Amino acid sequence: MFQSIRQKKRSQEKAEIKIAPLIDMVFILLIFFIVTTNFVTDTGVSVQRPSAYSVKDIKGDSIRLGLNSSGDIYIAGKKVGLFSLKPIL
């Protein structure tokens, strides 16, 4: 009879999640990641970039240049020789 009463009490107890060990484990993991993190910054070469003295709008015309598999050069749909390319550009 005592066993049946004890079993009833156990079945009536609420299930709980113990949070203290979980919090301890979270803190241990946090400490581990803080200790193993590398906080060293990469060293590099400092570069002095040139600055512009004046600002100008450069108007550029676009040129359509084409090449085919045989090596012919076309500008605006017209076939052009290699030596006449430099004065055009």
Protein backbone atom coordinates (compact mmCIF):
# COMPACT_ATOMS: atom_id res chain seq x y z
CA MET A 1 0.00 0.00 0.00
CA PHE A 2 2.85 2.39 0.75
CA GLN A 3 4.32 1.83 -2.66
CA SER A 4 1.12 2.71 -4.43
CA ILE A 5 0.82 6.00 -2.49
CA ARG A 6 4.43 6.89 -3.27
CA GLN A 7 3.93 6.12 -6.93
CA LYS A 8 0.84 8.34 -7.00
CA LYS A 9 2.81 11.20 -5.42
CA ARG A 10 5.61 10.80 -7.97
CA SER A 11 3.18 10.80 -10.85
CA GLN A 12 1.51 13.92 -9.48
CA GLU A 13 4.80 15.87 -9.18
CA LYS A 14 5.39 18.44 -11.87
CA ALA A 15 8.34 18.01 -14.19
CA GLU A 16 10.87 20.83 -13.84
CA ILE A 17 13.88 21.90 -15.81
CA LYS A 18 16.81 22.71 -13.59
CA ILE A 19 18.20 25.99 -14.94
CA ALA A 20 21.26 26.41 -12.68
CA PRO A 21 23.43 23.85 -14.53
CA LEU A 22 22.33 25.35 -17.85
CA ILE A 23 23.39 28.85 -16.76
CA ASP A 24 26.72 27.48 -15.55
CA MET A 25 27.33 25.82 -18.92
CA VAL A 26 26.49 29.06 -20.78
CA PHE A 27 28.98 31.01 -18.70
CA ILE A 28 31.68 28.38 -19.24
CA LEU A 29 31.12 28.55 -23.01
CA LEU A 30 31.17 32.35 -22.92
CA ILE A 31 34.48 32.38 -21.05
CA PHE A 32 35.92 29.81 -23.47
CA PHE A 33 35.02 31.90 -26.52
CA ILE A 34 36.34 35.11 -24.96
CA VAL A 35 39.65 33.49 -24.07
CA THR A 36 40.15 31.82 -27.46
CA THR A 37 39.18 34.84 -29.57
CA ASN A 38 42.04 36.51 -31.40
CA PHE A 39 41.95 40.28 -30.85
CA VAL A 40 45.12 41.07 -32.80
CA THR A 41 44.61 43.45 -35.69
CA ASP A 42 46.38 42.77 -38.96
CA THR A 43 49.28 45.04 -39.67
CA GLY A 44 49.60 46.47 -43.12
CA VAL A 45 51.23 49.16 -45.16
CA SER A 46 49.76 52.62 -44.85
CA VAL A 47 49.19 54.20 -48.24
CA GLN A 48 49.03 57.94 -48.85
CA ARG A 49 46.41 58.42 -51.53
CA PRO A 50 46.83 61.36 -53.88
CA SER A 51 44.35 64.16 -53.56
CA ALA A 52 42.83 66.13 -56.43
CA TYR A 53 43.76 69.78 -56.77
CA SER A 54 40.85 70.68 -58.97
CA VAL A 55 37.69 69.05 -60.10
CA LYS A 56 36.86 69.06 -63.80
CA ASP A 57 34.14 67.33 -65.71
CA ILE A 58 35.79 65.41 -68.48
CA LYS A 59 33.52 64.94 -71.41
CA GLY A 60 34.22 61.60 -72.97
CA ASP A 61 32.84 60.31 -76.22
CA SER A 62 32.15 56.63 -76.38
CA ILE A 63 33.58 54.55 -79.18
CA ARG A 64 32.26 51.15 -80.08
CA LEU A 65 35.19 48.87 -80.88
CA GLY A 66 34.72 45.36 -82.25
CA LEU A 67 36.99 42.40 -82.93
CA ASN A 68 36.17 39.22 -84.75
CA SER A 69 37.81 35.79 -84.65
CA SER A 70 40.02 36.51 -87.65
CA GLY A 71 41.52 39.61 -85.95
CA ASP A 72 39.72 42.31 -87.94
CA ILE A 73 39.07 45.56 -86.06
CA TYR A 74 35.81 47.46 -86.47
CA ILE A 75 35.02 50.95 -85.18
CA ALA A 76 31.41 52.09 -85.47
CA GLY A 77 30.73 49.25 -87.89
CA LYS A 78 33.60 50.12 -90.28
CA LYS A 79 36.66 47.93 -90.75
CA VAL A 80 39.82 49.72 -89.61
CA GLY A 81 43.48 48.72 -89.93
CA LEU A 82 45.73 48.33 -86.90
CA PHE A 83 47.93 51.31 -87.78
CA SER A 84 44.99 53.64 -88.36
CA LEU A 85 43.55 52.76 -84.93
CA LYS A 86 45.83 55.05 -82.91
CA PRO A 87 44.89 58.35 -84.66
CA ILE A 88 41.19 57.54 -84.35
CA LEU A 89 41.39 56.85 -80.64
